[in-house]
């Protein structure tokens, strides 16, 4: 794509010190260990340079694909040659505010965040101690486990709204958190930069004990020894996805190197050399089988990215997310950043 090549050249010229990974294997940037080459991954050192990259992309009528730890995504085997990814891996500032709240940038891992809170006698993030994703991705999907969710502790989020090239601070309520969803996942154009979390004071040893207990549960029940992207499907109302899958006789079901985990049926794992097409076909088979036998339609929790070209899926299929690279002319959604405090 000509516009992308022009944008890459401009980024090199205007941000010469920024890391720019070209033709980089996406398998090295996700927990599934699956994915072909990306045309380029920009790794800004701070929020200012990230915003600068976004401005350059908008100038060329392009939109970025944000990349955290890649723990909830399936990249295509063919790679992504027509989009620039922006990694938040260097946005890792984390500290206490004078009023006792916790400030963290989007690239901070949830496990590090939980550990920092525990060390400072702050409770409420114990559930996050074993979640491998980042705060940015966690805000997007309202990450949670064992009865806890980020929505319970987030006071505000600072985000960059690409269509307007403006910074906004949204309250927790304005983030519209729901089960594995938020304003950021429903409306395009938001880039989470940082968040303020309000936690409760408690004894650090008591917090550590709760964290150990939850992490022991994870080790006992989840296939942490094999590459995966966590829970493959969202929890359907009134049911548990893993139980439905197991009851349908699909535990251990394989398509090539992709397998429904023999340890936890809610996980799809890469047993070695799995392709994105194999994972997708396996998830399609699981969803169709569960629907045929139970009438419950499972919804993927993993973001399934399509290749740059559009696949012709036959029949009802799990939708694959296509990266939109020319959506800058679209009017902001009615649920866009209104009645917010602009910084």
Protein backbone atom coordinates (compact mmCIF):
# COMPACT_ATOMS: atom_id res chain seq x y z
CA UNK A 1 0.00 0.00 0.00
CA UNK A 2 1.53 3.28 -1.17
CA UNK A 3 0.13 5.37 1.70
CA UNK A 4 1.61 3.02 4.28
CA UNK A 5 5.05 3.17 2.68
CA UNK A 6 4.89 6.96 2.65
CA UNK A 7 3.85 6.98 6.32
CA UNK A 8 6.72 4.67 7.27
CA UNK A 9 9.22 6.92 5.53
CA UNK A 10 7.79 9.97 7.32
CA UNK A 11 7.97 8.21 10.69
CA UNK A 12 11.64 7.39 10.06
CA UNK A 13 12.33 11.02 9.17
CA UNK A 14 10.39 12.71 11.98
CA UNK A 15 11.06 10.14 14.73
CA UNK A 16 14.55 8.83 13.92
CA UNK A 17 15.21 7.48 17.41
CA UNK A 18 12.03 5.43 17.65
CA UNK A 19 12.19 1.65 17.26
CA UNK A 20 10.52 0.53 14.02
CA UNK A 21 10.42 -3.20 13.35
CA UNK A 22 9.94 -3.98 9.67
CA UNK A 23 8.72 -7.30 8.25
CA UNK A 24 8.57 -8.56 11.82
CA UNK A 25 7.08 -12.04 12.53
CA UNK A 26 3.87 -11.55 14.48
CA UNK A 27 4.30 -14.97 16.05
CA UNK A 28 6.98 -13.40 18.24
CA UNK A 29 4.50 -10.83 19.55
CA UNK A 30 1.57 -12.94 20.71
CA UNK A 31 0.98 -15.68 23.26
CA UNK A 32 -0.42 -18.07 20.61
CA UNK A 33 3.00 -18.00 18.84
CA UNK A 34 1.14 -17.82 15.52
CA UNK A 35 1.27 -15.21 12.77
CA UNK A 36 3.14 -14.15 9.65
CA UNK A 37 5.12 -10.94 9.12
CA UNK A 38 3.85 -7.45 9.86
CA UNK A 39 4.92 -4.77 7.41
CA UNK A 40 5.98 -2.65 10.39
CA UNK A 41 5.59 -2.35 14.16
CA UNK A 42 6.28 1.05 15.72
CA UNK A 43 7.46 1.00 19.34
CA UNK A 44 7.08 4.55 20.75
CA UNK A 45 9.04 5.43 23.88
CA UNK A 46 6.25 7.52 25.38
CA UNK A 47 2.71 8.82 24.86
CA UNK A 48 3.95 11.89 22.97
CA UNK A 49 5.75 9.86 20.30
CA UNK A 50 2.80 7.47 20.09
CA UNK A 51 0.51 10.43 19.39
CA UNK A 52 3.00 11.69 16.79
CA UNK A 53 2.85 8.35 14.96
CA UNK A 54 -0.96 8.49 15.01
CA UNK A 55 -0.90 12.01 13.52
CA UNK A 56 1.32 10.82 10.68
CA UNK A 57 -0.99 7.89 10.00
CA UNK A 58 -4.05 10.13 9.91
CA UNK A 59 -2.26 12.43 7.47
CA UNK A 60 -2.00 9.43 5.15
CA UNK A 61 -5.59 8.29 5.87
CA UNK A 62 -4.45 5.25 7.80
CA UNK A 63 -5.47 3.79 11.15
CA UNK A 64 -3.10 1.82 13.41
CA UNK A 65 -3.58 -1.54 15.04
CA UNK A 66 -2.66 -1.32 18.72
CA UNK A 67 -0.53 -4.09 20.20
CA UNK A 68 -0.04 -4.85 23.88
CA UNK A 69 1.26 -8.26 24.98
CA UNK A 70 -0.75 -10.00 22.28
CA UNK A 71 -2.38 -12.35 24.78
CA UNK A 72 -5.93 -12.19 23.42
CA UNK A 73 -5.41 -12.18 19.67
CA UNK A 74 -4.92 -14.56 16.75
CA UNK A 75 -2.81 -13.12 13.93
CA UNK A 76 -3.17 -14.48 10.37
CA UNK A 77 -0.56 -16.82 8.94
CA UNK A 78 -0.32 -14.50 5.94
CA UNK A 79 0.73 -11.59 8.13
CA UNK A 80 -0.46 -7.98 7.94
CA UNK A 81 1.19 -6.13 5.10
CA UNK A 82 -1.24 -3.22 4.77
CA UNK A 83 -1.35 -1.90 8.32
CA UNK A 84 1.10 -0.43 10.82
CA UNK A 85 1.01 -1.81 14.35
CA UNK A 86 1.84 0.33 17.37
CA UNK A 87 3.25 -1.44 20.41
CA UNK A 88 2.74 -0.05 23.93
CA UNK A 89 5.58 -2.15 25.39
CA UNK A 90 7.57 0.95 26.42
CA UNK A 91 4.66 2.74 28.08
CA UNK A 92 5.42 1.30 31.51
CA UNK A 93 5.38 4.12 34.05
CA UNK A 94 3.76 3.04 37.31
CA UNK A 95 3.56 4.96 40.58
CA UNK A 96 1.38 6.05 43.49
CA UNK A 97 -0.36 9.42 43.36
CA UNK A 98 -0.34 11.73 46.41
CA UNK A 99 -3.93 10.76 47.28
CA UNK A 100 -3.05 7.06 47.35
CA UNK A 101 -4.47 6.15 43.96
CA UNK A 102 -2.38 4.12 41.52
CA UNK A 103 -1.29 5.54 38.16
CA UNK A 104 -0.19 3.19 35.37
CA UNK A 105 0.52 3.50 31.66
CA UNK A 106 -1.06 1.23 29.08
CA UNK A 107 1.97 -1.02 28.59
CA UNK A 108 2.17 -2.08 32.25
CA UNK A 109 1.36 -5.79 32.57
CA UNK A 110 -1.59 -6.64 34.81
CA UNK A 111 0.57 -9.04 36.79
CA UNK A 112 3.12 -6.29 37.51
CA UNK A 113 0.28 -3.92 38.39
CA UNK A 114 -1.16 -6.40 40.89
CA UNK A 115 2.27 -7.04 42.41
CA UNK A 116 2.95 -3.31 42.80
CA UNK A 117 -0.41 -2.83 44.49
CA UNK A 118 0.26 -5.71 46.88
CA UNK A 119 3.68 -4.35 47.83
CA UNK A 120 2.03 -1.02 48.70
CA UNK A 121 -0.75 -2.59 50.74
CA UNK A 122 -3.48 -1.97 48.17
CA UNK A 123 -6.15 -4.62 47.65
CA UNK A 124 -8.55 -5.15 44.75
CA UNK A 125 -6.25 -6.37 41.98
CA UNK A 126 -5.60 -9.87 43.30
CA UNK A 127 -7.66 -11.33 40.42
CA UNK A 128 -5.27 -9.74 37.91
CA UNK A 129 -2.07 -11.24 39.30
CA UNK A 130 -2.11 -14.12 36.83
CA UNK A 131 -3.54 -12.33 33.79
CA UNK A 132 -0.74 -11.97 31.20
CA UNK A 133 -2.13 -8.98 29.30
CA UNK A 134 -1.43 -5.25 29.66
CA UNK A 135 -3.51 -2.53 31.27
CA UNK A 136 -4.32 -1.04 27.85
CA UNK A 137 -5.73 -4.28 26.51
CA UNK A 138 -7.34 -4.97 29.88
CA UNK A 139 -9.23 -1.67 29.72
CA UNK A 140 -10.40 -2.44 26.20
CA UNK A 141 -11.93 -5.78 27.18
CA UNK A 142 -12.60 -5.11 30.88
CA UNK A 143 -10.29 -7.95 31.86
CA UNK A 144 -11.35 -10.05 34.79
CA UNK A 145 -11.10 -13.37 36.58
CA UNK A 146 -12.38 -15.08 39.72
CA UNK A 147 -15.15 -12.58 40.27
CA UNK A 148 -13.02 -9.44 39.83
CA UNK A 149 -12.96 -7.03 36.88
CA UNK A 150 -11.02 -3.88 36.06
CA UNK A 151 -14.25 -1.89 36.05
CA UNK A 152 -14.37 -2.42 39.83
CA UNK A 153 -11.14 -0.48 40.41
CA UNK A 154 -10.64 1.95 37.51
CA UNK A 155 -11.32 5.56 38.45
CA UNK A 156 -10.41 7.15 35.12
CA UNK A 157 -8.72 6.45 31.80
CA UNK A 158 -6.71 8.84 29.63
CA UNK A 159 -7.05 8.02 25.96
CA UNK A 160 -6.13 9.46 22.59
CA UNK A 161 -9.09 9.80 20.23
CA UNK A 162 -7.63 9.42 16.77
CA UNK A 163 -10.35 11.02 14.59
CA UNK A 164 -10.00 14.28 16.55
CA UNK A 165 -6.30 13.91 17.47
CA UNK A 166 -7.27 14.87 21.01
CA UNK A 167 -6.64 13.60 24.52
CA UNK A 168 -9.59 12.78 26.76
CA UNK A 169 -9.91 11.71 30.36
CA UNK A 170 -12.91 9.43 30.83
CA UNK A 171 -14.32 8.47 34.20
CA UNK A 172 -14.85 4.80 34.95
CA UNK A 173 -18.56 5.29 34.26
CA UNK A 174 -17.88 6.95 30.91
CA UNK A 175 -15.75 3.95 29.90
CA UNK A 176 -19.03 1.98 29.78
CA UNK A 177 -17.46 -1.23 31.03
CA UNK A 178 -19.44 -4.43 30.59
CA UNK A 179 -18.62 -8.13 30.48
CA UNK A 180 -15.46 -8.38 28.33
CA UNK A 181 -16.31 -5.07 26.67
CA UNK A 182 -15.97 -1.31 27.03
CA UNK A 183 -16.42 1.91 25.14
CA UNK A 184 -12.95 1.30 23.67
CA UNK A 185 -13.95 -2.05 22.14
CA UNK A 186 -17.29 -0.81 20.81
CA UNK A 187 -16.11 2.41 19.16
CA UNK A 188 -13.12 2.66 16.86
CA UNK A 189 -10.46 5.32 17.19
CA UNK A 190 -9.57 5.10 20.89
CA UNK A 191 -6.02 4.44 22.10
CA UNK A 192 -5.72 3.87 25.85
CA UNK A 193 -2.66 5.66 27.23
CA UNK A 194 -2.98 5.35 31.01
CA UNK A 195 -5.39 4.82 33.88
CA UNK A 196 -5.87 5.74 37.53
CA UNK A 197 -7.00 2.92 39.80
CA UNK A 198 -8.61 3.35 43.22
CA UNK A 199 -7.88 0.45 45.57
CA UNK A 200 -8.47 -0.39 49.22
CA UNK A 201 -5.80 -0.50 51.92
CA UNK A 202 -5.08 -3.91 53.41
CA UNK A 203 -2.27 -5.93 54.94
CA UNK A 204 0.32 -6.78 52.23
CA UNK A 205 0.71 -10.35 53.53
CA UNK A 206 -3.04 -10.94 53.41
CA UNK A 207 -3.14 -9.64 49.85
CA UNK A 208 -0.18 -11.86 48.88
CA UNK A 209 -1.93 -14.90 50.37
CA UNK A 210 -5.02 -14.29 48.24
CA UNK A 211 -2.86 -13.86 45.15
CA UNK A 212 -1.05 -17.14 45.82
CA UNK A 213 -4.36 -18.94 46.24
CA UNK A 214 -5.72 -17.67 42.93
CA UNK A 215 -2.48 -18.42 41.07
CA UNK A 216 -2.48 -21.96 42.44
CA UNK A 217 -5.98 -22.39 41.04
CA UNK A 218 -4.75 -21.17 37.66
CA UNK A 219 -1.83 -23.58 37.63
CA UNK A 220 -4.06 -26.49 38.63
CA UNK A 221 -6.81 -25.84 36.09
CA UNK A 222 -5.34 -23.99 33.12
CA UNK A 223 -2.93 -25.24 30.41
CA UNK A 224 -0.22 -22.72 31.15
CA UNK A 225 2.46 -24.96 29.62
CA UNK A 226 1.20 -24.50 26.04
CA UNK A 227 0.75 -21.38 23.89
CA UNK A 228 -2.80 -20.08 23.88
CA UNK A 229 -4.75 -16.83 24.05
CA UNK A 230 -6.59 -17.59 27.27
CA UNK A 231 -10.29 -18.36 27.25
CA UNK A 232 -11.34 -18.97 23.66
CA UNK A 233 -15.02 -18.14 24.17
CA UNK A 234 -16.93 -15.73 26.38
CA UNK A 235 -19.14 -17.10 29.14
CA UNK A 236 -22.67 -17.46 27.74
CA UNK A 237 -25.43 -16.21 30.00
CA UNK A 238 -26.52 -18.97 32.32
CA UNK A 239 -23.77 -21.35 31.23
CA UNK A 240 -20.03 -21.98 31.31
CA UNK A 241 -18.33 -22.31 27.93
CA UNK A 242 -15.84 -24.95 29.11
CA UNK A 243 -18.59 -27.21 30.49
CA UNK A 244 -20.65 -26.92 27.31
CA UNK A 245 -17.63 -27.81 25.19
CA UNK A 246 -16.67 -30.74 27.41
CA UNK A 247 -20.26 -32.04 27.59
CA UNK A 248 -20.30 -32.07 23.78
CA UNK A 249 -17.31 -34.44 23.78
CA UNK A 250 -14.90 -31.88 22.36
CA UNK A 251 -12.23 -31.89 25.06
CA UNK A 252 -9.00 -32.82 23.28
CA UNK A 253 -10.49 -32.26 19.80
CA UNK A 254 -7.77 -31.33 17.29
CA UNK A 255 -7.35 -29.66 13.94
CA UNK A 256 -3.72 -29.99 12.97
CA UNK A 257 -1.60 -28.41 15.69
CA UNK A 258 -4.58 -26.68 17.30
CA UNK A 259 -6.37 -28.48 20.12
CA UNK A 260 -9.14 -27.98 22.65
CA UNK A 261 -7.10 -28.30 25.83
CA UNK A 262 -7.28 -31.65 27.56
CA UNK A 263 -6.81 -29.80 30.85
CA UNK A 264 -9.42 -27.05 30.42
CA UNK A 265 -11.95 -27.23 27.58
CA UNK A 266 -12.34 -23.45 27.54
CA UNK A 267 -8.83 -23.05 26.12
CA UNK A 268 -7.57 -23.64 22.58
CA UNK A 269 -3.85 -24.43 22.62
CA UNK A 270 -1.05 -24.57 20.09
CA UNK A 271 0.48 -28.03 20.52
CA UNK A 272 3.23 -27.15 18.05
CA UNK A 273 3.15 -25.63 14.58
CA UNK A 274 -0.53 -24.70 14.65
CA UNK A 275 -1.68 -22.22 12.00
CA UNK A 276 -4.26 -19.49 12.39
CA UNK A 277 -6.49 -21.32 9.90
CA UNK A 278 -6.36 -24.45 12.07
CA UNK A 279 -7.29 -22.49 15.19
CA UNK A 280 -10.12 -20.77 13.33
CA UNK A 281 -11.45 -24.03 11.87
CA UNK A 282 -11.29 -25.67 15.29
CA UNK A 283 -13.21 -22.81 16.91
CA UNK A 284 -15.80 -22.94 14.14
CA UNK A 285 -16.28 -26.68 14.71
CA UNK A 286 -16.60 -26.17 18.47
CA UNK A 287 -19.12 -23.36 18.11
CA UNK A 288 -21.22 -25.24 15.55
CA UNK A 289 -21.20 -28.47 17.54
CA UNK A 290 -22.16 -26.76 20.79
CA UNK A 291 -24.98 -24.91 19.03
CA UNK A 292 -26.30 -28.07 17.37
CA UNK A 293 -26.28 -30.04 20.62
CA UNK A 294 -27.33 -27.37 23.12
CA UNK A 295 -28.80 -24.41 21.24
CA UNK A 296 -26.21 -22.12 22.85
CA UNK A 297 -24.13 -20.03 20.46
CA UNK A 298 -20.64 -19.31 21.78
CA UNK A 299 -19.07 -15.94 21.12
CA UNK A 300 -15.26 -15.75 20.73
CA UNK A 301 -13.32 -13.93 23.41
CA UNK A 302 -10.18 -14.03 21.27
CA UNK A 303 -9.82 -11.32 18.62
CA UNK A 304 -9.54 -13.22 15.33
CA UNK A 305 -7.77 -11.06 12.76
CA UNK A 306 -8.37 -11.77 9.10
CA UNK A 307 -5.59 -11.52 6.52
CA UNK A 308 -5.37 -8.29 4.53
CA UNK A 309 -7.49 -9.85 1.80
CA UNK A 310 -11.10 -10.77 2.57
CA UNK A 311 -11.85 -14.44 3.04
CA UNK A 312 -15.01 -15.91 1.56
CA UNK A 313 -16.52 -17.78 4.50
CA UNK A 314 -19.34 -20.13 3.62
CA UNK A 315 -22.37 -20.30 5.86
CA UNK A 316 -22.70 -18.89 9.39
CA UNK A 317 -19.21 -18.21 10.62
CA UNK A 318 -17.31 -16.62 13.45
CA UNK A 319 -16.62 -13.10 12.18
CA UNK A 320 -13.01 -12.21 11.64
CA UNK A 321 -11.93 -8.69 12.44
CA UNK A 322 -10.66 -6.72 9.47
CA UNK A 323 -8.31 -3.84 10.15
CA UNK A 324 -9.94 -0.66 8.81
CA UNK A 325 -7.28 1.59 7.33
CA UNK A 326 -9.38 4.34 5.74
CA UNK A 327 -12.04 5.18 8.31
CA UNK A 328 -10.88 8.70 9.17
CA UNK A 329 -13.65 10.42 7.22
CA UNK A 330 -16.37 8.65 9.20
CA UNK A 331 -18.30 10.81 11.64
CA UNK A 332 -17.68 10.03 15.33
CA UNK A 333 -20.14 7.58 16.78
CA UNK A 334 -23.00 9.02 18.80
CA UNK A 335 -21.45 7.32 21.80
CA UNK A 336 -18.09 8.99 21.17
CA UNK A 337 -16.19 11.02 23.77
CA UNK A 338 -18.90 13.51 24.69
CA UNK A 339 -19.25 15.31 28.01
CA UNK A 340 -15.67 14.40 28.89
CA UNK A 341 -12.85 16.32 30.45
CA UNK A 342 -10.39 17.17 27.70
CA UNK A 343 -6.73 17.50 28.68
